[in-house]
Amino acid sequence: MAPKIALCIQGGGARGAYAAGVLRELLREGFRADEVYGTSAGALLGVDFVTGDEERLLKMVTVLSDAHGFIRPSNYWKKGSIFDFHYLLEEMPKKQLPFKQEIFDRSPTNFFAVSTSVSSGKVAYFSKNDTDFLAGLSSSASLPPYSHPIEIGGDGYLDGGVVEPIPFHRALEENVPYIVVISTRAKGYRKSPMSTLNRRLGKRSYHNHPEFLEAYLQTSITYNHHCDEMDRLAEAGRIFVIYPSVPPKVSVTCQNRKKLLDLCQAGEDDTKNQEIALRTYLSK
């Protein structure tokens, strides 16, 4: 059957705590989607929405805030990224914070982790049904230039946020009737031009991949275009966007437990306040 409802989750590193709160409240309200798209942190959290595990969504915020070795510059040389994805996607789901893998696999909801191909500089979607899904999930959150590309099928992949920071375009292309977007930035936010340091690091890291380098250097422009489009579609009633009512004041790598829990709570509160409007949108 053709998908009727798509849920699209923006990333943003630690700002994903806001999305975790939104997802928890959506689950409580009985909201379900036929397909889910997640970019970066949105992908890492979206898998728990598919399993309906609202408690794990909260624990992901608290556990990662206490995992002092999870974000560390030395991880780049030892583990290929400043983020320890081996801990996040292999150790933690099996021991510290079990993931409901069987429920995820059996769920009729399809899930897509959104990444960027290093060879082409184009968006790539990794379905939960793909044999290389876990690697695709890692690549979706592999932030350039602070991560090595994840090798999958002879190509390298990095953060989906480079070309699809707010992953609603595929659902639009499929003409999905109802598209719900979780934004982790307040309405009206636009990115400033990339810093000189990151431009230099990007050119040094990806000079052998000109298509990706061009996309990477245009990240802020792409992001702002996507925000403009998202706002227009929301105002026209084509999509429904849950925006933070208060601009999140946490960095991508924030591990301050209180700030992250407050942000998660803000996501829950904003979603409660939007419940009637969301139900009205879904009943059209």
C-alpha atoms as a PDB file:
ATOM      1  CA  MET A   1       0.000   0.000   0.000  1.00  0.00           C
ATOM      2  CA  ALA A   2       1.163   3.534  -0.728  1.00  0.00           C
ATOM      3  CA  PRO A   3       2.347   5.402   2.377  1.00  0.00           C
ATOM      4  CA  LYS A   4      -0.242   7.749   3.848  1.00  0.00           C
ATOM      5  CA  ILE A   5       1.765   9.427   6.628  1.00  0.00           C
ATOM      6  CA  ALA A   6       5.476  10.261   6.625  1.00  0.00           C
ATOM      7  CA  LEU A   7       7.429  11.479   9.648  1.00  0.00           C
ATOM      8  CA  CYS A   8      10.610  13.436   8.878  1.00  0.00           C
ATOM      9  CA  ILE A   9      13.104  14.172  11.661  1.00  0.00           C
ATOM     10  CA  GLN A  10      15.817  16.809  11.469  1.00  0.00           C
ATOM     11  CA  GLY A  11      19.202  16.200  13.063  1.00  0.00           C
ATOM     12  CA  GLY A  12      21.433  18.664  14.872  1.00  0.00           C
ATOM     13  CA  GLY A  13      23.581  16.656  17.268  1.00  0.00           C
ATOM     14  CA  ALA A  14      22.607  17.364  20.866  1.00  0.00           C
ATOM     15  CA  ARG A  15      19.607  19.363  19.634  1.00  0.00           C
ATOM     16  CA  GLY A  16      18.180  15.960  18.882  1.00  0.00           C
ATOM     17  CA  ALA A  17      17.079  15.992  22.522  1.00  0.00           C
ATOM     18  CA  TYR A  18      14.238  18.224  21.344  1.00  0.00           C
ATOM     19  CA  ALA A  19      13.223  15.659  18.721  1.00  0.00           C
ATOM     20  CA  ALA A  20      13.357  12.945  21.399  1.00  0.00           C
ATOM     21  CA  GLY A  21      10.775  14.868  23.411  1.00  0.00           C
ATOM     22  CA  VAL A  22       8.539  15.362  20.381  1.00  0.00           C
ATOM     23  CA  LEU A  23       8.745  11.671  19.504  1.00  0.00           C
ATOM     24  CA  ARG A  24       7.906  10.644  23.068  1.00  0.00           C
ATOM     25  CA  GLU A  25       4.781  12.762  23.070  1.00  0.00           C
ATOM     26  CA  LEU A  26       3.743  11.625  19.584  1.00  0.00           C
ATOM     27  CA  LEU A  27       3.921   8.032  20.795  1.00  0.00           C
ATOM     28  CA  ARG A  28       1.787   8.881  23.822  1.00  0.00           C
ATOM     29  CA  GLU A  29      -0.782  10.500  21.539  1.00  0.00           C
ATOM     30  CA  GLY A  30      -0.964   7.340  19.451  1.00  0.00           C
ATOM     31  CA  PHE A  31       0.594   8.910  16.365  1.00  0.00           C
ATOM     32  CA  ARG A  32       2.014   6.389  13.896  1.00  0.00           C
ATOM     33  CA  ALA A  33       3.605   6.807  10.488  1.00  0.00           C
ATOM     34  CA  ASP A  34       3.873   4.564   7.445  1.00  0.00           C
ATOM     35  CA  GLU A  35       7.416   5.699   6.817  1.00  0.00           C
ATOM     36  CA  VAL A  36      10.013   7.604   8.829  1.00  0.00           C
ATOM     37  CA  TYR A  37      12.986   9.591   7.529  1.00  0.00           C
ATOM     38  CA  GLY A  38      15.778  10.674   9.824  1.00  0.00           C
ATOM     39  CA  THR A  39      18.879  12.740   9.203  1.00  0.00           C
ATOM     40  CA  SER A  40      21.850  12.417  11.574  1.00  0.00           C
ATOM     41  CA  ALA A  41      20.591  12.549  15.182  1.00  0.00           C
ATOM     42  CA  GLY A  42      17.079  12.353  13.748  1.00  0.00           C
ATOM     43  CA  ALA A  43      17.934   8.944  12.335  1.00  0.00           C
ATOM     44  CA  LEU A  44      19.498   7.741  15.588  1.00  0.00           C
ATOM     45  CA  LEU A  45      16.322   8.648  17.484  1.00  0.00           C
ATOM     46  CA  GLY A  46      13.829   7.693  14.798  1.00  0.00           C
ATOM     47  CA  VAL A  47      14.558   3.986  15.167  1.00  0.00           C
ATOM     48  CA  ASP A  48      13.117   4.111  18.698  1.00  0.00           C
ATOM     49  CA  PHE A  49       9.979   5.779  17.396  1.00  0.00           C
ATOM     50  CA  VAL A  50       9.493   2.818  15.049  1.00  0.00           C
ATOM     51  CA  THR A  51       9.706   0.402  17.985  1.00  0.00           C
ATOM     52  CA  GLY A  52       7.404   2.583  20.110  1.00  0.00           C
ATOM     53  CA  ASP A  53      10.008   2.778  22.874  1.00  0.00           C
ATOM     54  CA  GLU A  54       9.372   6.163  24.471  1.00  0.00           C
ATOM     55  CA  GLU A  55      11.444   5.286  27.552  1.00  0.00           C
ATOM     56  CA  ARG A  56      14.516   4.503  25.477  1.00  0.00           C
ATOM     57  CA  LEU A  57      14.149   7.863  23.750  1.00  0.00           C
ATOM     58  CA  LEU A  58      14.529   9.554  27.134  1.00  0.00           C
ATOM     59  CA  LYS A  59      17.336   7.252  28.239  1.00  0.00           C
ATOM     60  CA  MET A  60      19.250   7.955  25.029  1.00  0.00           C
ATOM     61  CA  VAL A  61      19.416  11.584  26.171  1.00  0.00           C
ATOM     62  CA  THR A  62      20.535  10.783  29.723  1.00  0.00           C
ATOM     63  CA  VAL A  63      22.927   7.938  28.882  1.00  0.00           C
ATOM     64  CA  LEU A  64      24.757   9.910  26.197  1.00  0.00           C
ATOM     65  CA  SER A  65      25.010  12.943  28.475  1.00  0.00           C
ATOM     66  CA  ASP A  66      26.889  10.740  30.961  1.00  0.00           C
ATOM     67  CA  ALA A  67      29.032   8.897  28.393  1.00  0.00           C
ATOM     68  CA  HIS A  68      32.167  10.980  28.728  1.00  0.00           C
ATOM     69  CA  GLY A  69      34.093   9.058  26.073  1.00  0.00           C
ATOM     70  CA  PHE A  70      31.321   9.277  23.485  1.00  0.00           C
ATOM     71  CA  ILE A  71      32.429  12.692  22.169  1.00  0.00           C
ATOM     72  CA  ARG A  72      36.184  13.102  22.185  1.00  0.00           C
ATOM     73  CA  PRO A  73      38.600  14.635  19.617  1.00  0.00           C
ATOM     74  CA  SER A  74      40.943  11.640  19.939  1.00  0.00           C
ATOM     75  CA  ASN A  75      38.140   9.366  18.741  1.00  0.00           C
ATOM     76  CA  TYR A  76      38.716  10.776  15.251  1.00  0.00           C
ATOM     77  CA  TRP A  77      42.057   8.976  14.953  1.00  0.00           C
ATOM     78  CA  LYS A  78      41.104   5.923  17.001  1.00  0.00           C
ATOM     79  CA  LYS A  79      37.533   5.323  15.835  1.00  0.00           C
ATOM     80  CA  GLY A  80      37.139   7.354  12.635  1.00  0.00           C
ATOM     81  CA  SER A  81      34.914  10.054  14.144  1.00  0.00           C
ATOM     82  CA  ILE A  82      34.840  12.334  17.148  1.00  0.00           C
ATOM     83  CA  PHE A  83      31.683  10.364  18.042  1.00  0.00           C
ATOM     84  CA  ASP A  84      32.077   6.767  19.215  1.00  0.00           C
ATOM     85  CA  PHE A  85      29.581   5.015  16.949  1.00  0.00           C
ATOM     86  CA  HIS A  86      30.771   1.565  17.991  1.00  0.00           C
ATOM     87  CA  TYR A  87      29.586   2.347  21.513  1.00  0.00           C
ATOM     88  CA  LEU A  88      26.397   4.030  20.313  1.00  0.00           C
ATOM     89  CA  LEU A  89      25.240   1.439  17.785  1.00  0.00           C
ATOM     90  CA  GLU A  90      26.825  -1.819  18.910  1.00  0.00           C
ATOM     91  CA  GLU A  91      27.778  -1.835  22.585  1.00  0.00           C
ATOM     92  CA  MET A  92      24.973   0.252  24.097  1.00  0.00           C
ATOM     93  CA  PRO A  93      22.041  -1.394  22.206  1.00  0.00           C
ATOM     94  CA  LYS A  94      23.170  -4.852  23.312  1.00  0.00           C
ATOM     95  CA  LYS A  95      24.111  -4.164  26.927  1.00  0.00           C
ATOM     96  CA  GLN A  96      23.489  -0.814  28.572  1.00  0.00           C
ATOM     97  CA  LEU A  97      20.349   0.246  26.736  1.00  0.00           C
ATOM     98  CA  PRO A  98      18.811  -2.704  24.836  1.00  0.00           C
ATOM     99  CA  PHE A  99      17.234  -1.938  21.476  1.00  0.00           C
ATOM    100  CA  LYS A 100      14.044  -3.730  20.434  1.00  0.00           C
ATOM    101  CA  GLN A 101      15.523  -5.141  17.241  1.00  0.00           C
ATOM    102  CA  GLU A 102      12.845  -7.761  16.580  1.00  0.00           C
ATOM    103  CA  ILE A 103      10.054  -5.202  16.913  1.00  0.00           C
ATOM    104  CA  PHE A 104      11.970  -2.839  14.617  1.00  0.00           C
ATOM    105  CA  ASP A 105      12.400  -5.549  11.984  1.00  0.00           C
ATOM    106  CA  ARG A 106       8.761  -6.651  12.127  1.00  0.00           C
ATOM    107  CA  SER A 107       7.255  -3.173  12.169  1.00  0.00           C
ATOM    108  CA  PRO A 108       5.220  -2.293   9.058  1.00  0.00           C
ATOM    109  CA  THR A 109       6.699   1.215   9.296  1.00  0.00           C
ATOM    110  CA  ASN A 110       9.579   1.623   6.890  1.00  0.00           C
ATOM    111  CA  PHE A 111      12.545   3.628   8.091  1.00  0.00           C
ATOM    112  CA  PHE A 112      15.182   5.497   6.109  1.00  0.00           C
ATOM    113  CA  ALA A 113      18.477   6.874   7.373  1.00  0.00           C
ATOM    114  CA  VAL A 114      19.453   9.832   5.192  1.00  0.00           C
ATOM    115  CA  SER A 115      23.101  10.207   4.152  1.00  0.00           C
ATOM    116  CA  THR A 116      25.267  11.888   1.531  1.00  0.00           C
ATOM    117  CA  SER A 117      27.344  10.011  -1.048  1.00  0.00           C
ATOM    118  CA  VAL A 118      30.964  11.159  -1.048  1.00  0.00           C
ATOM    119  CA  SER A 119      31.462  10.166  -4.690  1.00  0.00           C
ATOM    120  CA  SER A 120      28.442  12.014  -6.082  1.00  0.00           C
ATOM    121  CA  GLY A 121      27.573  14.592  -3.436  1.00  0.00           C
ATOM    122  CA  LYS A 122      23.949  13.422  -3.701  1.00  0.00           C
ATOM    123  CA  VAL A 123      21.472  12.248  -1.087  1.00  0.00           C
ATOM    124  CA  ALA A 124      21.357   8.538  -0.236  1.00  0.00           C
ATOM    125  CA  TYR A 125      18.638   6.643   1.626  1.00  0.00           C
ATOM    126  CA  PHE A 126      19.329   3.506   3.642  1.00  0.00           C
ATOM    127  CA  SER A 127      16.197   1.478   4.347  1.00  0.00           C
ATOM    128  CA  LYS A 128      15.867  -0.631   7.490  1.00  0.00           C
ATOM    129  CA  ASN A 129      15.515  -3.588   5.087  1.00  0.00           C
ATOM    130  CA  ASP A 130      18.972  -3.046   3.590  1.00  0.00           C
ATOM    131  CA  THR A 131      21.709  -5.441   4.664  1.00  0.00           C
ATOM    132  CA  ASP A 132      24.031  -2.468   5.236  1.00  0.00           C
ATOM    133  CA  PHE A 133      21.472  -0.467   7.219  1.00  0.00           C
ATOM    134  CA  LEU A 134      23.585  -0.170  10.381  1.00  0.00           C
ATOM    135  CA  ALA A 135      26.495   1.274   8.419  1.00  0.00           C
ATOM    136  CA  GLY A 136      24.054   3.623   6.696  1.00  0.00           C
ATOM    137  CA  LEU A 137      22.742   4.732  10.078  1.00  0.00           C
ATOM    138  CA  SER A 138      26.313   5.460  11.207  1.00  0.00           C
ATOM    139  CA  SER A 139      27.020   7.422   8.050  1.00  0.00           C
ATOM    140  CA  SER A 140      23.906   9.554   8.483  1.00  0.00           C
ATOM    141  CA  ALA A 141      25.367  10.986  11.696  1.00  0.00           C
ATOM    142  CA  SER A 142      29.024  11.110  10.611  1.00  0.00           C
ATOM    143  CA  LEU A 143      29.638  14.836  10.778  1.00  0.00           C
ATOM    144  CA  PRO A 144      32.146  16.269   8.276  1.00  0.00           C
ATOM    145  CA  PRO A 145      34.908  17.231   8.572  1.00  0.00           C
ATOM    146  CA  TYR A 146      35.135  15.484  11.951  1.00  0.00           C
ATOM    147  CA  SER A 147      34.391  11.974  10.697  1.00  0.00           C
ATOM    148  CA  HIS A 148      35.870   9.667   8.087  1.00  0.00           C
ATOM    149  CA  PRO A 149      33.425   8.484   5.413  1.00  0.00           C
ATOM    150  CA  ILE A 150      31.672   5.195   6.155  1.00  0.00           C
ATOM    151  CA  GLU A 151      32.451   2.722   3.388  1.00  0.00           C
ATOM    152  CA  ILE A 152      29.364   0.971   2.011  1.00  0.00           C
ATOM    153  CA  GLY A 153      29.281  -0.961  -1.262  1.00  0.00           C
ATOM    154  CA  GLY A 154      32.431   0.640  -2.610  1.00  0.00           C
ATOM    155  CA  ASP A 155      31.384   4.207  -1.862  1.00  0.00           C
ATOM    156  CA  GLY A 156      31.836   6.490   1.125  1.00  0.00           C
ATOM    157  CA  TYR A 157      28.963   8.173   2.946  1.00  0.00           C
ATOM    158  CA  LEU A 158      28.723  11.033   5.419  1.00  0.00           C
ATOM    159  CA  ASP A 159      26.155  13.168   7.225  1.00  0.00           C
ATOM    160  CA  GLY A 160      22.837  13.468   5.415  1.00  0.00           C
ATOM    161  CA  GLY A 161      22.624  17.023   6.678  1.00  0.00           C
ATOM    162  CA  VAL A 162      25.020  18.126   3.937  1.00  0.00           C
ATOM    163  CA  VAL A 163      22.342  17.848   1.240  1.00  0.00           C
ATOM    164  CA  GLU A 164      19.106  16.877   3.040  1.00  0.00           C
ATOM    165  CA  PRO A 165      19.193  18.530   6.477  1.00  0.00           C
ATOM    166  CA  ILE A 166      15.399  18.370   6.863  1.00  0.00           C
ATOM    167  CA  PRO A 167      14.421  15.120   5.149  1.00  0.00           C
ATOM    168  CA  PHE A 168      10.973  15.789   3.685  1.00  0.00           C
ATOM    169  CA  HIS A 169      11.737  15.843  -0.046  1.00  0.00           C
ATOM    170  CA  ARG A 170      11.379  12.147  -0.807  1.00  0.00           C
ATOM    171  CA  ALA A 171       7.975  12.037   0.862  1.00  0.00           C
ATOM    172  CA  LEU A 172       6.954  15.019  -1.276  1.00  0.00           C
ATOM    173  CA  GLU A 173       8.219  13.275  -4.405  1.00  0.00           C
ATOM    174  CA  GLU A 174       6.179  10.203  -3.458  1.00  0.00           C
ATOM    175  CA  ASN A 175       3.158  12.489  -3.014  1.00  0.00           C
ATOM    176  CA  VAL A 176       2.574  11.213   0.512  1.00  0.00           C
ATOM    177  CA  PRO A 177      -0.674  12.908   1.625  1.00  0.00           C
ATOM    178  CA  TYR A 178       0.413  13.755   5.174  1.00  0.00           C
ATOM    179  CA  ILE A 179       3.968  14.796   6.030  1.00  0.00           C
ATOM    180  CA  VAL A 180       4.884  15.668   9.614  1.00  0.00           C
ATOM    181  CA  VAL A 181       8.274  17.304  10.143  1.00  0.00           C
ATOM    182  CA  ILE A 182      10.184  17.699  13.406  1.00  0.00           C
ATOM    183  CA  SER A 183      12.426  20.759  13.238  1.00  0.00           C
ATOM    184  CA  THR A 184      15.179  21.093  15.835  1.00  0.00           C
ATOM    185  CA  ARG A 185      15.576  24.800  15.119  1.00  0.00           C
ATOM    186  CA  ALA A 186      13.035  27.516  15.858  1.00  0.00           C
ATOM    187  CA  LYS A 187      11.013  28.926  12.981  1.00  0.00           C
ATOM    188  CA  GLY A 188      12.948  31.664  11.252  1.00  0.00           C
ATOM    189  CA  TYR A 189      16.417  30.315  12.066  1.00  0.00           C
ATOM    190  CA  ARG A 190      18.901  30.466   9.199  1.00  0.00           C
ATOM    191  CA  LYS A 191      22.523  29.376   9.124  1.00  0.00           C
ATOM    192  CA  SER A 192      25.420  31.779   8.836  1.00  0.00           C
ATOM    193  CA  PRO A 193      28.098  31.115   6.195  1.00  0.00           C
ATOM    194  CA  MET A 194      30.488  28.271   6.998  1.00  0.00           C
ATOM    195  CA  SER A 195      33.463  29.227   9.149  1.00  0.00           C
ATOM    196  CA  THR A 196      36.849  29.713   7.524  1.00  0.00           C
ATOM    197  CA  LEU A 197      38.245  26.845   9.625  1.00  0.00           C
ATOM    198  CA  ASN A 198      35.633  24.356   8.443  1.00  0.00           C
ATOM    199  CA  ARG A 199      36.054  25.478   4.837  1.00  0.00           C
ATOM    200  CA  ARG A 200      39.790  24.847   5.075  1.00  0.00           C
ATOM    201  CA  LEU A 201      39.298  21.485   6.789  1.00  0.00           C
ATOM    202  CA  GLY A 202      36.739  20.493   4.178  1.00  0.00           C
ATOM    203  CA  LYS A 203      38.988  21.402   1.267  1.00  0.00           C
ATOM    204  CA  ARG A 204      41.861  19.481   2.804  1.00  0.00           C
ATOM    205  CA  SER A 205      39.719  16.440   3.594  1.00  0.00           C
ATOM    206  CA  TYR A 206      37.627  16.163   0.424  1.00  0.00           C
ATOM    207  CA  HIS A 207      39.731  17.633  -2.382  1.00  0.00           C
ATOM    208  CA  ASN A 208      39.670  14.206  -4.075  1.00  0.00           C
ATOM    209  CA  HIS A 209      35.865  14.247  -4.052  1.00  0.00           C
ATOM    210  CA  PRO A 210      34.935  17.486  -5.847  1.00  0.00           C
ATOM    211  CA  GLU A 211      31.171  16.797  -6.002  1.00  0.00           C
ATOM    212  CA  PHE A 212      30.974  16.195  -2.269  1.00  0.00           C
ATOM    213  CA  LEU A 213      33.284  19.136  -1.526  1.00  0.00           C
ATOM    214  CA  GLU A 214      31.060  21.467  -3.523  1.00  0.00           C
ATOM    215  CA  ALA A 215      27.976  20.204  -1.653  1.00  0.00           C
ATOM    216  CA  TYR A 216      29.770  20.520   1.687  1.00  0.00           C
ATOM    217  CA  LEU A 217      30.870  24.101   1.039  1.00  0.00           C
ATOM    218  CA  GLN A 218      27.262  24.972   0.118  1.00  0.00           C
ATOM    219  CA  THR A 219      25.853  23.452   3.319  1.00  0.00           C
ATOM    220  CA  SER A 220      24.548  26.691   4.830  1.00  0.00           C
ATOM    221  CA  ILE A 221      22.961  27.789   1.536  1.00  0.00           C
ATOM    222  CA  THR A 222      21.292  24.399   1.092  1.00  0.00           C
ATOM    223  CA  TYR A 223      20.060  24.477   4.675  1.00  0.00           C
ATOM    224  CA  ASN A 224      18.534  27.930   4.315  1.00  0.00           C
ATOM    225  CA  HIS A 225      16.822  27.003   1.044  1.00  0.00           C
ATOM    226  CA  HIS A 226      15.317  23.949   2.735  1.00  0.00           C
ATOM    227  CA  CYS A 227      14.065  26.078   5.629  1.00  0.00           C
ATOM    228  CA  ASP A 228      12.486  28.559   3.217  1.00  0.00           C
ATOM    229  CA  GLU A 229      10.741  25.719   1.391  1.00  0.00           C
ATOM    230  CA  MET A 230       9.647  24.049   4.617  1.00  0.00           C
ATOM    231  CA  ASP A 231       8.122  27.259   5.946  1.00  0.00           C
ATOM    232  CA  ARG A 232       6.242  27.869   2.675  1.00  0.00           C
ATOM    233  CA  LEU A 233       4.866  24.325   2.597  1.00  0.00           C
ATOM    234  CA  ALA A 234       3.811  24.551   6.247  1.00  0.00           C
ATOM    235  CA  GLU A 235       2.060  27.868   5.711  1.00  0.00           C
ATOM    236  CA  ALA A 236       0.267  26.406   2.691  1.00  0.00           C
ATOM    237  CA  GLY A 237      -0.883  23.432   4.756  1.00  0.00           C
ATOM    238  CA  ARG A 238       0.961  20.859   2.616  1.00  0.00           C
ATOM    239  CA  ILE A 239       3.129  19.696   5.506  1.00  0.00           C
ATOM    240  CA  PHE A 240       2.892  20.046   9.283  1.00  0.00           C
ATOM    241  CA  VAL A 241       5.981  21.225  11.151  1.00  0.00           C
ATOM    242  CA  ILE A 242       6.648  21.055  14.875  1.00  0.00           C
ATOM    243  CA  TYR A 243       9.133  23.859  15.614  1.00  0.00           C
ATOM    244  CA  PRO A 244      10.790  24.620  18.963  1.00  0.00           C
ATOM    245  CA  SER A 245       8.811  27.456  20.525  1.00  0.00           C
ATOM    246  CA  VAL A 246      12.033  28.681  22.156  1.00  0.00           C
ATOM    247  CA  PRO A 247      15.327  28.566  20.205  1.00  0.00           C
ATOM    248  CA  PRO A 248      17.452  25.662  21.538  1.00  0.00           C
ATOM    249  CA  LYS A 249      20.601  26.965  23.201  1.00  0.00           C
ATOM    250  CA  VAL A 250      22.787  23.871  23.098  1.00  0.00           C
ATOM    251  CA  SER A 251      25.768  23.132  20.891  1.00  0.00           C
ATOM    252  CA  VAL A 252      26.002  20.118  18.602  1.00  0.00           C
ATOM    253  CA  THR A 253      28.264  18.367  21.121  1.00  0.00           C
ATOM    254  CA  CYS A 254      26.569  19.490  24.358  1.00  0.00           C
ATOM    255  CA  GLN A 255      26.530  16.844  27.115  1.00  0.00           C
ATOM    256  CA  ASN A 256      25.046  18.978  29.883  1.00  0.00           C
ATOM    257  CA  ARG A 257      22.415  16.648  31.332  1.00  0.00           C
ATOM    258  CA  LYS A 258      20.095  19.358  32.652  1.00  0.00           C
ATOM    259  CA  LYS A 259      20.126  21.346  29.420  1.00  0.00           C
ATOM    260  CA  LEU A 260      19.394  18.246  27.367  1.00  0.00           C
ATOM    261  CA  LEU A 261      16.573  17.085  29.627  1.00  0.00           C
ATOM    262  CA  ASP A 262      15.079  20.586  29.584  1.00  0.00           C
ATOM    263  CA  LEU A 263      15.232  20.523  25.787  1.00  0.00           C
ATOM    264  CA  CYS A 264      13.589  17.103  25.697  1.00  0.00           C
ATOM    265  CA  GLN A 265      10.811  18.427  27.947  1.00  0.00           C
ATOM    266  CA  ALA A 266      10.390  21.421  25.651  1.00  0.00           C
ATOM    267  CA  GLY A 267       9.806  19.007  22.785  1.00  0.00           C
ATOM    268  CA  GLU A 268       7.120  17.214  24.762  1.00  0.00           C
ATOM    269  CA  ASP A 269       5.436  20.478  25.770  1.00  0.00           C
ATOM    270  CA  ASP A 270       5.454  21.934  22.251  1.00  0.00           C
ATOM    271  CA  THR A 271       3.920  18.743  20.875  1.00  0.00           C
ATOM    272  CA  LYS A 272       1.157  18.770  23.478  1.00  0.00           C
ATOM    273  CA  ASN A 273       0.386  22.340  22.513  1.00  0.00           C
ATOM    274  CA  GLN A 274       0.212  21.333  18.845  1.00  0.00           C
ATOM    275  CA  GLU A 275      -1.918  18.227  19.332  1.00  0.00           C
ATOM    276  CA  ILE A 276      -5.215  19.735  18.168  1.00  0.00           C
ATOM    277  CA  ALA A 277      -3.585  21.428  15.171  1.00  0.00           C
ATOM    278  CA  LEU A 278      -1.849  18.159  14.220  1.00  0.00           C
ATOM    279  CA  ARG A 279      -5.065  16.161  14.456  1.00  0.00           C
ATOM    280  CA  THR A 280      -6.821  18.774  12.336  1.00  0.00           C
ATOM    281  CA  TYR A 281      -4.094  18.521   9.687  1.00  0.00           C
ATOM    282  CA  LEU A 282      -4.304  14.697   9.644  1.00  0.00           C
ATOM    283  CA  SER A 283      -8.080  14.775   9.274  1.00  0.00           C
ATOM    284  CA  LYS A 284      -8.108  16.813   6.080  1.00  0.00           C
END
